[in-house]
Protein backbone atom coordinates (compact mmCIF):
# COMPACT_ATOMS: atom_id res chain seq x y z
CA MET A 1 -82.12 -11.49 -42.13
CA SER A 2 -83.39 -8.45 -40.23
CA ALA A 3 -84.97 -8.84 -36.79
CA GLN A 4 -88.30 -7.59 -38.12
CA HIS A 5 -88.19 -10.10 -41.00
CA ALA A 6 -87.31 -12.89 -38.59
CA LEU A 7 -90.34 -12.02 -36.47
CA SER A 8 -92.61 -11.88 -39.50
CA THR A 9 -91.32 -15.20 -40.80
CA ALA A 10 -91.87 -16.91 -37.46
CA THR A 11 -95.39 -15.55 -37.20
CA THR A 12 -96.25 -16.60 -40.76
CA ALA A 13 -94.82 -20.07 -40.31
CA THR A 14 -96.85 -20.80 -37.18
CA GLY A 15 -99.93 -18.81 -38.04
CA THR A 16 -99.96 -17.45 -34.49
CA THR A 17 -98.03 -15.16 -32.17
CA ALA A 18 -97.97 -17.81 -29.44
CA GLY A 19 -94.19 -17.90 -29.71
CA LEU A 20 -93.89 -14.38 -28.38
CA PRO A 21 -92.73 -14.00 -24.79
CA VAL A 22 -95.57 -13.09 -22.46
CA HIS A 23 -93.29 -11.26 -20.04
CA VAL A 24 -90.09 -9.44 -20.97
CA ALA A 25 -87.81 -8.05 -18.27
CA ILE A 26 -85.02 -5.60 -19.06
CA ILE A 27 -81.97 -4.52 -17.07
CA MET A 28 -81.46 -1.02 -18.42
CA ASP A 29 -77.70 -0.44 -18.34
CA GLY A 30 -75.29 1.94 -20.00
CA ASN A 31 -76.62 5.45 -19.38
CA GLY A 32 -73.38 6.59 -17.78
CA ARG A 33 -71.18 5.11 -20.49
CA TRP A 34 -73.38 6.65 -23.17
CA ALA A 35 -72.87 10.07 -21.60
CA LYS A 36 -69.14 9.58 -21.01
CA ALA A 37 -68.58 8.62 -24.65
CA ARG A 38 -70.07 12.00 -25.60
CA SER A 39 -68.29 14.01 -22.87
CA LEU A 40 -71.66 14.72 -21.24
CA PRO A 41 -72.66 14.57 -17.57
CA ARG A 42 -74.20 11.30 -16.36
CA ALA A 43 -77.52 13.10 -15.93
CA ALA A 44 -77.67 13.54 -19.71
CA GLY A 45 -77.39 9.77 -20.12
CA HIS A 46 -80.23 9.20 -17.67
CA LYS A 47 -82.42 11.66 -19.56
CA ARG A 48 -81.75 9.86 -22.83
CA GLY A 49 -82.42 6.62 -21.02
CA ALA A 50 -85.91 7.91 -20.21
CA ASP A 51 -86.50 8.30 -23.96
CA ALA A 52 -85.50 4.65 -24.40
CA VAL A 53 -88.07 3.67 -21.77
CA ARG A 54 -90.74 5.33 -23.88
CA ARG A 55 -89.55 3.47 -26.99
CA ALA A 56 -89.49 0.15 -25.15
CA ILE A 57 -93.07 0.59 -23.99
CA GLU A 58 -94.26 1.56 -27.47
CA SER A 59 -92.37 -1.39 -28.97
CA ALA A 60 -93.83 -3.87 -26.48
CA VAL A 61 -97.33 -2.62 -27.27
CA HIS A 62 -96.58 -2.84 -31.00
CA LEU A 63 -95.33 -6.42 -30.71
CA GLY A 64 -98.22 -7.51 -28.49
CA ILE A 65 -96.13 -8.29 -25.39
CA PRO A 66 -98.49 -8.02 -22.40
CA TYR A 67 -95.95 -7.68 -19.57
CA LEU A 68 -92.82 -5.53 -19.48
CA THR A 69 -90.65 -5.11 -16.38
CA LEU A 70 -87.84 -2.57 -16.27
CA PHE A 71 -85.06 -2.43 -13.67
CA GLY A 72 -84.93 1.29 -13.00
CA PHE A 73 -83.08 1.72 -9.69
CA SER A 74 -81.59 -0.98 -7.47
CA SER A 75 -81.28 -1.06 -3.71
CA GLU A 76 -77.51 -0.88 -4.28
CA ASN A 77 -77.88 2.29 -6.37
CA TRP A 78 -78.48 4.29 -3.19
CA ARG A 79 -74.69 4.07 -2.74
CA ARG A 80 -74.13 6.27 -5.79
CA PRO A 81 -73.12 9.93 -5.35
CA GLU A 82 -75.88 11.98 -3.73
CA SER A 83 -76.04 14.32 -6.72
CA GLU A 84 -76.69 11.43 -9.13
CA VAL A 85 -79.37 9.93 -6.89
CA ARG A 86 -81.01 13.35 -6.66
CA ASP A 87 -80.97 13.67 -10.45
CA LEU A 88 -82.49 10.21 -10.85
CA MET A 89 -85.28 10.91 -8.35
CA GLY A 90 -85.98 14.20 -10.09
CA LEU A 91 -86.14 12.46 -13.45
CA LEU A 92 -88.55 9.90 -11.98
CA ARG A 93 -90.86 12.66 -10.77
CA ILE A 94 -90.76 14.31 -14.18
CA TYR A 95 -91.62 10.97 -15.80
CA LEU A 96 -94.55 10.42 -13.44
CA GLN A 97 -95.84 13.91 -14.19
CA SER A 98 -95.44 13.80 -17.96
CA GLU A 99 -96.00 10.20 -19.02
CA ILE A 100 -98.79 8.69 -16.92
CA ASP A 101 -101.60 10.36 -18.88
CA GLU A 102 -100.15 8.94 -22.09
CA LEU A 103 -99.77 5.48 -20.55
CA ALA A 104 -103.37 5.59 -19.41
CA LEU A 105 -104.55 6.53 -22.91
CA LYS A 106 -102.57 3.63 -24.39
CA GLY A 107 -104.12 1.11 -22.00
CA VAL A 108 -100.92 0.58 -20.02
CA ARG A 109 -101.10 -0.38 -16.36
CA PHE A 110 -98.25 1.08 -14.30
CA VAL A 111 -96.86 -0.84 -11.30
CA VAL A 112 -93.84 -0.21 -9.09
CA ILE A 113 -92.06 -2.93 -7.09
CA GLY A 114 -89.35 -2.42 -4.51
CA ASN A 115 -88.73 -0.91 -1.09
CA ARG A 116 -90.78 2.30 -1.13
CA THR A 117 -89.69 3.30 2.35
CA MET A 118 -86.40 4.47 0.85
CA LEU A 119 -88.07 6.72 -1.74
CA PRO A 120 -88.99 10.37 -1.11
CA LYS A 121 -92.51 10.67 0.31
CA ASP A 122 -93.73 12.94 -2.49
CA THR A 123 -92.49 10.42 -5.06
CA VAL A 124 -94.31 7.59 -3.30
CA LYS A 125 -97.55 9.60 -3.43
CA MET A 126 -97.05 10.15 -7.16
CA ILE A 127 -96.41 6.44 -7.69
CA GLU A 128 -99.55 5.49 -5.79
CA ALA A 129 -101.61 7.98 -7.81
CA ALA A 130 -100.19 6.61 -11.09
CA GLU A 131 -100.91 3.03 -10.08
CA GLN A 132 -104.47 3.90 -9.14
CA ARG A 133 -105.00 5.90 -12.34
CA THR A 134 -103.98 2.97 -14.56
CA LEU A 135 -105.28 0.11 -12.40
CA SER A 136 -107.92 -1.14 -14.84
CA ASN A 137 -105.73 -1.04 -17.97
CA THR A 138 -105.00 -4.38 -19.60
CA ARG A 139 -103.11 -3.78 -22.85
CA LEU A 140 -99.69 -3.85 -21.19
CA THR A 141 -98.59 -4.14 -17.57
CA LEU A 142 -95.49 -1.99 -17.13
CA THR A 143 -93.64 -2.83 -13.93
CA LEU A 144 -90.86 -0.53 -12.81
CA ALA A 145 -88.43 -1.91 -10.23
CA LEU A 146 -87.34 0.95 -7.96
CA SER A 147 -85.20 0.68 -4.84
CA TYR A 148 -85.37 -3.02 -5.65
CA GLY A 149 -83.08 -5.86 -4.65
CA SER A 150 -84.05 -9.48 -5.19
CA ARG A 151 -82.17 -10.90 -2.19
CA GLN A 152 -83.93 -8.40 0.06
CA GLU A 153 -87.25 -9.34 -1.55
CA ILE A 154 -86.65 -13.04 -0.88
CA VAL A 155 -85.60 -12.41 2.73
CA SER A 156 -88.71 -10.25 3.27
CA ALA A 157 -90.95 -13.01 1.90
CA ALA A 158 -89.27 -15.63 4.10
CA ARG A 159 -89.60 -13.37 7.14
CA ALA A 160 -93.32 -12.82 6.48
CA LEU A 161 -93.93 -16.56 6.27
CA ALA A 162 -91.88 -17.17 9.43
CA GLU A 163 -93.93 -14.55 11.30
CA ASP A 164 -97.18 -16.24 10.22
CA CYS A 165 -95.82 -19.57 11.41
CA ALA A 166 -94.84 -18.06 14.75
CA LYS A 167 -98.37 -16.65 15.12
CA GLY A 168 -99.90 -20.03 14.33
CA ILE A 169 -101.50 -18.75 11.12
CA LEU A 170 -99.44 -21.21 9.08
CA SER A 171 -97.56 -24.42 9.67
CA PRO A 172 -94.19 -24.93 7.94
CA ALA A 173 -95.66 -27.92 6.10
CA GLN A 174 -98.10 -25.61 4.30
CA ILE A 175 -95.38 -23.53 2.69
CA ASP A 176 -94.82 -24.34 -0.97
CA GLU A 177 -93.56 -22.43 -4.01
CA ALA A 178 -96.94 -20.88 -4.75
CA MET A 179 -97.29 -19.57 -1.20
CA PHE A 180 -93.75 -18.21 -1.23
CA GLU A 181 -94.39 -16.45 -4.54
CA SER A 182 -97.50 -14.83 -3.07
CA ARG A 183 -95.25 -12.94 -0.63
CA LEU A 184 -92.96 -11.53 -3.33
CA PHE A 185 -93.30 -8.02 -4.77
CA THR A 186 -94.22 -9.61 -8.11
CA LYS A 187 -97.34 -11.36 -6.77
CA GLY A 188 -99.85 -11.66 -9.60
CA LEU A 189 -97.29 -11.25 -12.39
CA PRO A 190 -96.24 -14.17 -14.61
CA GLU A 191 -92.60 -15.16 -14.44
CA PRO A 192 -90.45 -13.48 -17.10
CA ASP A 193 -89.95 -15.53 -20.26
CA LEU A 194 -87.13 -13.34 -21.53
CA LEU A 195 -84.53 -11.22 -19.74
CA ILE A 196 -82.64 -8.61 -21.75
CA ARG A 197 -79.56 -6.83 -20.44
CA THR A 198 -78.07 -3.94 -22.36
CA SER A 199 -74.53 -2.50 -22.53
CA GLY A 200 -72.63 -5.77 -22.91
CA GLU A 201 -72.58 -6.72 -19.22
CA LEU A 202 -73.13 -10.44 -18.56
CA ARG A 203 -74.81 -10.58 -15.15
CA ILE A 204 -78.27 -10.18 -13.63
CA SER A 205 -77.31 -7.88 -10.74
CA ASN A 206 -79.68 -9.04 -8.00
CA PHE A 207 -82.73 -8.72 -10.25
CA LEU A 208 -85.70 -11.11 -10.01
CA LEU A 209 -83.53 -14.01 -8.81
CA TRP A 210 -86.50 -16.23 -7.94
CA GLN A 211 -88.62 -15.20 -10.91
CA LEU A 212 -85.91 -15.73 -13.55
CA ALA A 213 -85.45 -19.44 -12.77
CA TYR A 214 -86.42 -20.52 -16.31
CA ALA A 215 -86.15 -17.27 -18.24
CA GLU A 216 -84.19 -17.11 -21.48
CA LEU A 217 -81.30 -14.62 -21.24
CA PHE A 218 -80.34 -12.20 -24.00
CA PHE A 219 -77.35 -9.86 -23.77
CA THR A 220 -76.75 -6.99 -26.16
CA ASP A 221 -73.89 -4.51 -26.49
CA THR A 222 -76.38 -1.70 -27.18
CA LEU A 223 -76.28 0.97 -24.48
CA TRP A 224 -79.68 1.62 -22.97
CA PRO A 225 -80.12 5.18 -24.36
CA ASP A 226 -79.71 3.71 -27.88
CA PHE A 227 -82.09 0.78 -27.30
CA SER A 228 -84.68 0.73 -30.07
CA GLN A 229 -87.60 -1.30 -31.35
CA ALA A 230 -85.15 -3.15 -33.60
CA ASP A 231 -83.16 -4.20 -30.51
CA LEU A 232 -86.29 -5.53 -28.82
CA GLU A 233 -87.28 -7.34 -32.01
CA ALA A 234 -83.83 -8.95 -32.21
CA ALA A 235 -84.15 -10.24 -28.65
CA VAL A 236 -87.66 -11.56 -29.28
CA ALA A 237 -86.55 -13.23 -32.53
CA ALA A 238 -83.71 -14.96 -30.66
CA PHE A 239 -86.18 -16.07 -27.98
CA ARG A 240 -88.52 -17.58 -30.56
CA ASN A 241 -85.68 -19.65 -31.99
CA ARG A 242 -84.88 -21.26 -28.65
CA GLU A 243 -86.28 -24.51 -27.33
CA ARG A 244 -87.63 -24.16 -23.81
CA ARG A 245 -87.74 -27.47 -21.92
CA PHE A 246 -88.09 -26.39 -18.27
CA GLY A 247 -85.94 -29.31 -17.18
CA ALA A 248 -87.66 -31.92 -19.36
CA VAL A 249 -86.14 -33.94 -22.21
CA ALA A 250 -86.46 -32.45 -25.69
CA GLY A 251 -89.33 -33.86 -27.73
């Protein structure tokens, strides 16, 4: 059975699309291997990866998924060769220049999470302008994780709460999960229902460690530049066939 047929069957059987994940997060991996397999520079893989980003957004809109989060550049990625980081930042600027108008027309809200102090100042200004331009859009919230590391995010949230306690604004007894979550970069976003990782790697690489507590995980051998709507449909079909209990006993 094809992924598209599986999705159609599930929708017909239930009479609703309630089984779709509300929030899909993707670790985009495999650009370098895609390029190496074709004897191309890594930059060529990153450029093709940008095309896959466009397909993923279009596919999420097509399927009716309201939240899509993409892991674009980790805090650890700053350790990569300077030339590769420069290429990636250049590609990001090109994306912000060429794609935001289209996202706005499609009703997509654009959000960036991560440590912006590490990003070039001109890039930060472009990000802020893109976020403001698409602020009122509601069809899809596209979150791009840039210069992002989940451990650093958690430490930052804990430090902010500790500072408020030291100032007497809060007492430790007031701190609960909801308050902690309000200090994370992802404040206001629902927790991911489904995490997809491409390229056959079986790890989550310091991505959304708090937020993924009850997410369903889906790993595919597809390299990110080859990721298509069919790949997203396959992941969603697998998700819809799983029983989510959140720690409770099955009914």
